[in-house]
Amino acid sequence: MDQQSEDLMKPCGCPQDESQSEPGLRDPTLLWLQDTVIIAMFHVRQRLLWGAVVLSAVFLLLWTATFLYSAFYYSYMPNPAYATPVHYYYRTNCKSLSSHPCSYPVANISLLVNGKSQAMTFGHPYRISLVLEMPDSPPNRELGMFMIRMSCYSREGKEVASSAHSTMLRYRSTLLRCLGTLLFLPAYLTGVAEQKQLLEVEIFSDYIDSSYASAVGAFIEIMSSKVQIYSSQLFIYANFSGIRYILHHFPLASAIIGVASNFMFLSVLLLLGSLKDGSWTSQQNNTRENSLKKERRSFKAQLEDHEDSTAEMNASEDSPVNLLHIRPTDLTQGEREI
């Protein structure tokens, strides 16, 4: 009878205690550890993302600063030098039986780079010189002074500038020439050295090309029909002053300073832009943290409600009323008759 009463007093269809099947959910240490790991992973991911963004921004700023300095340098700095060979021509169909040419040697040269772009930048001063390689021959020594004239012309064929300068061979006495010949005799015999002189004649000392009538070519005339020339070249040198002088003579230091200045200026602009949007970013981060806190609070509230409901159910099962509550269907036929 006691065994039957115990069996009858057992609750039928009652749910099991879920707190016993899931003990880990009720441990506050594990809950705190789980929340801490989630927050730490969130902050680490955020720091890594910001680090990648900062590195990308620095690389982009450095590349932009270098590009801006290069663009400024090549647009602001003129071509430092330009050289072209000069080939002379003259008439020989004269009626006299003289061995000298019938006209002065004349050359027509182009002042365009590859026949397209201007060799000289508009508004920048240039020094134009003509270099003559002349033999140290008796006719050239007897020639004395002679004139060299240069005339620049535009695309329309109009003369835009003209200049003439005189020159002559360097004087060397007979004794000095003999001593030089004896000293350099092996070089002269082997062809390593030649008895010649190089004359550099400055035709324009401060030539400025105009954008309204730019020079595209020049006529060079040597005003002597007895002159003897091995070769000739025209050199155009840019006269640098101010910032251009520093950029040309100190290119590495100028590049470092220029790139650094551009980088700092772009960094300030980026910093101002980030400060302007900083309030939105902080608000977004606060929103994310608040959402995480709300999720933790709701999770804890659900656990507490579950524990309270489980405790109430256990208390109701252990009460005397539930122990005496026996359904008629659970009684046997003999018990019903009693």
Protein backbone atom coordinates (compact mmCIF):
# COMPACT_ATOMS: atom_id res chain seq x y z
CA MET A 1 0.00 0.00 0.00
CA ASP A 2 2.84 2.35 0.77
CA GLN A 3 4.48 1.59 -2.53
CA GLN A 4 1.18 2.18 -4.34
CA SER A 5 0.62 5.45 -2.51
CA GLU A 6 4.12 6.59 -3.44
CA ASP A 7 3.44 5.68 -7.05
CA LEU A 8 0.10 7.45 -6.94
CA MET A 9 1.67 10.51 -5.34
CA LYS A 10 4.27 10.81 -8.14
CA PRO A 11 3.25 13.59 -10.54
CA CYS A 12 2.45 12.41 -14.01
CA GLY A 13 3.34 14.45 -17.13
CA CYS A 14 5.24 17.05 -15.12
CA PRO A 15 8.20 18.76 -16.84
CA GLN A 16 11.70 18.06 -15.65
CA ASP A 17 13.86 20.63 -13.96
CA GLU A 18 15.71 22.36 -16.80
CA SER A 19 18.10 23.94 -14.33
CA GLN A 20 19.58 20.49 -13.70
CA SER A 21 20.01 19.74 -17.45
CA GLU A 22 21.62 23.18 -18.13
CA PRO A 23 23.67 24.10 -15.07
CA GLY A 24 26.03 26.32 -17.04
CA LEU A 25 23.35 28.85 -17.85
CA ARG A 26 22.84 29.68 -14.20
CA ASP A 27 26.53 30.32 -13.51
CA PRO A 28 27.09 34.12 -13.32
CA THR A 29 30.87 33.75 -13.82
CA LEU A 30 30.38 32.13 -17.21
CA LEU A 31 27.91 34.84 -18.20
CA TRP A 32 30.34 37.58 -17.21
CA LEU A 33 33.17 35.83 -19.07
CA GLN A 34 31.03 35.49 -22.18
CA ASP A 35 30.10 39.18 -22.12
CA THR A 36 33.73 40.18 -21.57
CA VAL A 37 34.95 38.10 -24.53
CA ILE A 38 32.27 39.54 -26.81
CA ILE A 39 33.16 43.13 -25.87
CA ALA A 40 36.91 42.46 -26.20
CA MET A 41 36.47 40.90 -29.65
CA PHE A 42 34.38 43.86 -30.72
CA HIS A 43 37.04 46.35 -29.59
CA VAL A 44 39.88 44.35 -31.21
CA ARG A 45 38.02 44.18 -34.50
CA GLN A 46 37.33 47.90 -34.32
CA ARG A 47 41.02 48.67 -33.63
CA LEU A 48 42.17 46.50 -36.53
CA LEU A 49 39.71 48.17 -38.85
CA TRP A 50 40.84 51.63 -37.79
CA GLY A 51 44.50 50.62 -38.20
CA ALA A 52 43.87 49.44 -41.76
CA VAL A 53 42.01 52.65 -42.54
CA VAL A 54 44.82 54.81 -41.12
CA LEU A 55 47.53 52.96 -43.08
CA SER A 56 45.53 53.26 -46.29
CA ALA A 57 44.96 56.96 -45.66
CA VAL A 58 48.68 57.59 -45.02
CA PHE A 59 49.68 55.73 -48.20
CA LEU A 60 47.09 57.61 -50.23
CA LEU A 61 48.18 60.97 -48.78
CA LEU A 62 51.85 60.22 -49.49
CA TRP A 63 51.12 59.19 -53.09
CA THR A 64 48.96 62.27 -53.62
CA ALA A 65 51.63 64.57 -52.14
CA THR A 66 54.29 63.07 -54.43
CA PHE A 67 52.05 63.40 -57.46
CA LEU A 68 51.24 67.04 -56.67
CA TYR A 69 54.92 67.92 -56.24
CA SER A 70 55.87 66.16 -59.48
CA ALA A 71 53.11 67.95 -61.38
CA PHE A 72 54.19 71.29 -59.92
CA TYR A 73 57.87 70.65 -60.70
CA TYR A 74 57.39 69.69 -64.35
CA SER A 75 54.92 72.50 -64.98
CA TYR A 76 56.90 75.21 -63.17
CA MET A 77 60.48 74.30 -64.10
CA PRO A 78 61.58 75.04 -67.68
CA ASN A 79 63.87 72.90 -69.78
CA PRO A 80 67.35 73.58 -68.31
CA ALA A 81 69.30 73.15 -71.53
CA TYR A 82 68.80 72.56 -75.22
CA ALA A 83 71.47 71.82 -77.82
CA THR A 84 71.30 71.39 -81.58
CA PRO A 85 74.00 71.03 -84.25
CA VAL A 86 74.50 73.84 -86.72
CA HIS A 87 75.23 73.01 -90.33
CA TYR A 88 76.29 75.88 -92.59
CA TYR A 89 75.79 76.33 -96.30
CA TYR A 90 77.10 78.93 -98.74
CA ARG A 91 77.19 79.64 -102.48
CA THR A 92 80.06 78.47 -104.63
CA ASN A 93 78.83 79.50 -108.08
CA CYS A 94 80.73 82.75 -108.06
CA LYS A 95 82.44 84.15 -111.16
CA SER A 96 85.79 84.80 -109.50
CA LEU A 97 88.49 82.14 -109.45
CA SER A 98 89.06 82.55 -105.72
CA SER A 99 88.99 79.46 -103.51
CA HIS A 100 86.87 81.24 -100.91
CA PRO A 101 83.08 80.85 -100.82
CA CYS A 102 80.99 83.39 -102.69
CA SER A 103 78.79 84.11 -99.66
CA TYR A 104 78.89 84.04 -95.90
CA PRO A 105 78.22 80.69 -94.19
CA VAL A 106 74.55 80.59 -93.17
CA ALA A 107 72.59 78.01 -91.16
CA ASN A 108 68.85 77.60 -90.60
CA ILE A 109 68.05 75.73 -87.37
CA SER A 110 64.83 74.76 -85.61
CA LEU A 111 64.06 75.80 -82.04
CA LEU A 112 61.44 73.06 -81.57
CA VAL A 113 62.05 69.85 -79.65
CA ASN A 114 61.42 66.97 -82.05
CA GLY A 115 59.68 69.46 -84.31
CA LYS A 116 56.69 69.77 -81.93
CA SER A 117 57.15 71.50 -78.56
CA GLN A 118 58.93 74.73 -77.79
CA ALA A 119 62.52 74.47 -76.63
CA MET A 120 62.13 77.63 -74.52
CA THR A 121 59.41 78.30 -71.94
CA PHE A 122 57.43 81.49 -72.45
CA GLY A 123 58.46 84.34 -70.18
CA HIS A 124 61.63 82.68 -68.86
CA PRO A 125 65.09 84.17 -69.53
CA TYR A 126 67.62 82.11 -71.51
CA ARG A 127 71.25 82.42 -72.47
CA ILE A 128 72.00 81.43 -76.08
CA SER A 129 75.57 80.61 -77.08
CA LEU A 130 77.22 79.35 -80.25
CA VAL A 131 80.22 77.04 -79.94
CA LEU A 132 82.60 76.90 -82.90
CA GLU A 133 85.24 74.21 -83.32
CA MET A 134 87.88 75.86 -85.52
CA PRO A 135 91.30 74.63 -86.65
CA ASP A 136 94.34 76.58 -85.52
CA SER A 137 95.28 77.21 -89.13
CA PRO A 138 97.08 80.22 -90.68
CA PRO A 139 93.91 81.45 -92.51
CA ASN A 140 91.95 81.52 -89.23
CA ARG A 141 94.84 83.25 -87.42
CA GLU A 142 95.08 85.82 -90.19
CA LEU A 143 91.30 86.27 -90.19
CA GLY A 144 91.25 88.35 -87.06
CA MET A 145 87.85 89.42 -85.74
CA PHE A 146 84.64 88.38 -87.47
CA MET A 147 80.94 88.85 -86.72
CA ILE A 148 78.28 86.26 -85.93
CA ARG A 149 74.65 87.24 -86.34
CA MET A 150 71.57 85.34 -85.19
CA SER A 151 67.96 86.17 -86.11
CA CYS A 152 64.97 84.35 -84.58
CA TYR A 153 61.73 84.10 -86.55
CA SER A 154 58.14 83.07 -85.74
CA ARG A 155 55.80 80.66 -87.48
CA GLU A 156 54.68 83.46 -89.77
CA GLY A 157 58.26 84.06 -90.84
CA LYS A 158 58.58 87.39 -89.02
CA GLU A 159 61.77 88.28 -87.23
CA VAL A 160 61.17 88.44 -83.49
CA ALA A 161 64.74 88.96 -82.21
CA SER A 162 68.17 89.59 -83.61
CA SER A 163 71.66 89.90 -82.17
CA ALA A 164 75.28 90.05 -83.45
CA HIS A 165 78.57 89.54 -81.63
CA SER A 166 82.21 89.48 -82.66
CA THR A 167 84.84 86.90 -81.85
CA MET A 168 88.30 85.69 -82.87
CA LEU A 169 90.81 82.93 -82.15
CA ARG A 170 92.85 83.06 -78.97
CA TYR A 171 96.27 84.53 -79.58
CA ARG A 172 99.26 82.24 -79.27
CA SER A 173 102.78 83.28 -80.09
CA THR A 174 104.99 81.37 -82.49
CA LEU A 175 107.22 80.10 -79.69
CA LEU A 176 104.22 78.90 -77.69
CA ARG A 177 102.80 77.07 -80.69
CA CYS A 178 106.15 75.38 -81.34
CA LEU A 179 106.50 74.26 -77.73
CA GLY A 180 102.92 72.97 -77.72
CA THR A 181 103.52 71.09 -80.95
CA LEU A 182 106.68 69.44 -79.57
CA LEU A 183 104.97 68.57 -76.27
CA PHE A 184 101.86 67.01 -77.81
CA LEU A 185 103.63 65.58 -80.85
CA PRO A 186 102.86 61.91 -79.99
CA ALA A 187 99.16 62.77 -79.47
CA TYR A 188 99.07 64.68 -82.75
CA LEU A 189 100.73 61.83 -84.62
CA THR A 190 98.34 59.19 -83.21
CA GLY A 191 95.26 61.36 -83.77
CA VAL A 192 94.34 61.56 -80.09
CA ALA A 193 94.62 65.37 -80.09
CA GLU A 194 94.17 68.02 -82.76
CA GLN A 195 95.40 71.54 -83.23
CA LYS A 196 92.12 73.33 -82.83
CA GLN A 197 90.34 75.85 -80.66
CA LEU A 198 86.83 75.99 -79.24
CA LEU A 199 85.18 79.40 -79.39
CA GLU A 200 82.03 80.05 -77.37
CA VAL A 201 80.18 83.14 -78.48
CA GLU A 202 77.33 84.41 -76.32
CA ILE A 203 74.72 85.74 -78.70
CA PHE A 204 71.82 86.36 -76.26
CA SER A 205 72.49 86.82 -72.57
CA ASP A 206 68.88 87.25 -71.45
CA TYR A 207 66.52 86.16 -74.20
CA ILE A 208 62.82 85.89 -73.25
CA ASP A 209 60.45 84.14 -75.63
CA SER A 210 56.99 85.64 -76.02
CA SER A 211 53.80 83.62 -76.25
CA TYR A 212 52.37 86.08 -78.81
CA ALA A 213 55.32 85.71 -81.20
CA SER A 214 57.27 82.63 -80.18
CA ALA A 215 60.46 81.75 -81.98
CA VAL A 216 60.33 78.47 -83.89
CA GLY A 217 63.63 78.82 -85.77
CA ALA A 218 66.72 80.94 -86.26
CA PHE A 219 69.15 82.02 -88.95
CA ILE A 220 72.83 82.04 -88.01
CA GLU A 221 75.26 83.86 -90.25
CA ILE A 222 79.03 84.07 -89.90
CA MET A 223 80.09 87.32 -91.58
CA SER A 224 83.32 86.11 -93.11
CA SER A 225 83.86 84.09 -96.22
CA LYS A 226 87.37 83.03 -95.20
CA VAL A 227 86.50 81.38 -91.90
CA GLN A 228 87.26 77.68 -91.50
CA ILE A 229 85.06 75.60 -89.18
CA TYR A 230 85.17 71.96 -88.15
CA SER A 231 81.75 71.87 -86.44
CA SER A 232 79.32 74.10 -84.62
CA GLN A 233 76.60 73.71 -82.01
CA LEU A 234 73.97 76.03 -80.56
CA PHE A 235 73.34 75.81 -76.81
CA ILE A 236 70.37 77.31 -74.96
CA TYR A 237 70.70 77.52 -71.16
CA ALA A 238 67.93 78.58 -68.78
CA ASN A 239 68.78 81.34 -66.31
CA PHE A 240 67.39 80.23 -62.94
CA SER A 241 66.66 82.57 -60.07
CA GLY A 242 64.62 82.48 -56.88
CA ILE A 243 62.66 79.29 -56.27
CA ARG A 244 63.66 77.87 -59.63
CA TYR A 245 67.32 78.21 -58.72
CA ILE A 246 66.75 76.20 -55.53
CA LEU A 247 64.67 73.56 -57.31
CA HIS A 248 67.30 73.12 -60.02
CA HIS A 249 70.47 73.08 -57.90
CA PHE A 250 69.02 71.26 -54.85
CA PRO A 251 66.52 68.78 -56.31
CA LEU A 252 66.59 66.17 -53.52
CA ALA A 253 66.15 68.62 -50.65
CA SER A 254 63.45 70.46 -52.59
CA ALA A 255 61.60 67.19 -53.27
CA ILE A 256 61.67 66.17 -49.60
CA ILE A 257 60.46 69.57 -48.43
CA GLY A 258 57.79 69.79 -51.13
CA VAL A 259 56.38 66.30 -50.53
CA ALA A 260 56.42 66.82 -46.76
CA SER A 261 54.60 70.15 -47.09
CA ASN A 262 51.94 68.64 -49.33
CA PHE A 263 51.57 65.68 -46.96
CA MET A 264 51.06 67.95 -43.94
CA PHE A 265 48.56 70.13 -45.78
CA LEU A 266 46.53 67.13 -46.95
CA SER A 267 46.72 65.60 -43.45
CA VAL A 268 45.29 68.77 -41.92
CA LEU A 269 42.43 68.73 -44.43
CA LEU A 270 41.74 65.07 -43.68
CA LEU A 271 41.89 65.72 -39.93
CA LEU A 272 39.40 68.56 -40.19
CA GLY A 273 37.09 66.36 -42.22
CA SER A 274 37.35 63.53 -39.68
CA LEU A 275 36.67 65.90 -36.78
CA LYS A 276 33.59 67.13 -38.58
CA ASP A 277 32.27 63.58 -38.86
CA GLY A 278 33.56 62.54 -35.43
CA SER A 279 30.27 63.19 -33.69
CA TRP A 280 28.48 60.86 -36.07
CA THR A 281 31.09 58.13 -35.55
CA SER A 282 31.00 58.40 -31.75
CA GLN A 283 27.23 58.34 -31.82
CA GLN A 284 27.33 55.21 -33.95
CA ASN A 285 29.76 53.52 -31.56
CA ASN A 286 27.61 54.47 -28.58
CA THR A 287 24.61 53.02 -30.36
CA ARG A 288 26.44 49.73 -30.92
CA GLU A 289 27.56 49.53 -27.29
CA ASN A 290 24.05 50.34 -26.06
CA SER A 291 22.63 47.63 -28.29
CA LEU A 292 25.08 45.11 -26.83
CA LYS A 293 24.19 46.17 -23.31
CA LYS A 294 20.49 45.85 -24.10
CA GLU A 295 21.08 42.35 -25.50
CA ARG A 296 22.96 41.34 -22.34
CA ARG A 297 20.23 42.77 -20.12
CA SER A 298 17.48 41.02 -22.05
CA PHE A 299 19.43 37.75 -21.92
CA LYS A 300 19.87 38.06 -18.15
CA ALA A 301 16.19 38.95 -17.72
CA GLN A 302 15.17 35.88 -19.70
CA LEU A 303 17.40 33.71 -17.53
CA GLU A 304 15.96 35.22 -14.35
CA ASP A 305 12.39 34.71 -15.59
CA HIS A 306 13.22 31.14 -16.48
CA GLU A 307 14.70 30.52 -13.05
CA ASP A 308 11.69 32.11 -11.32
CA SER A 309 9.23 30.04 -13.33
CA THR A 310 11.23 26.89 -12.62
CA ALA A 311 11.31 27.67 -8.90
CA GLU A 312 7.57 28.34 -8.79
CA MET A 313 6.88 25.09 -10.61
CA ASN A 314 9.05 23.16 -8.20
CA ALA A 315 7.33 24.81 -5.25
CA SER A 316 3.88 23.99 -6.58
CA GLU A 317 4.89 20.36 -7.13
CA ASP A 318 6.16 19.99 -3.59
CA SER A 319 3.00 21.47 -1.93
CA PRO A 320 0.53 19.12 0.04
CA VAL A 321 -2.32 20.07 -2.20
CA ASN A 322 -0.60 18.65 -5.23
CA LEU A 323 0.42 15.56 -3.29
CA LEU A 324 -3.27 14.85 -2.35
CA HIS A 325 -4.56 15.67 -5.78
CA ILE A 326 -5.19 12.26 -7.31
CA ARG A 327 -7.21 11.82 -10.43
CA PRO A 328 -9.98 9.16 -10.39
CA THR A 329 -8.60 7.56 -13.47
CA ASP A 330 -5.45 6.65 -11.56
CA LEU A 331 -7.41 4.48 -8.99
CA THR A 332 -7.95 0.77 -9.37
CA GLN A 333 -11.37 -0.90 -9.31
CA GLY A 334 -10.98 -2.04 -5.68
CA GLU A 335 -9.96 1.40 -4.56
CA ARG A 336 -12.97 2.89 -6.33
CA GLU A 337 -15.33 0.51 -4.44
CA ILE A 338 -13.71 1.41 -1.14
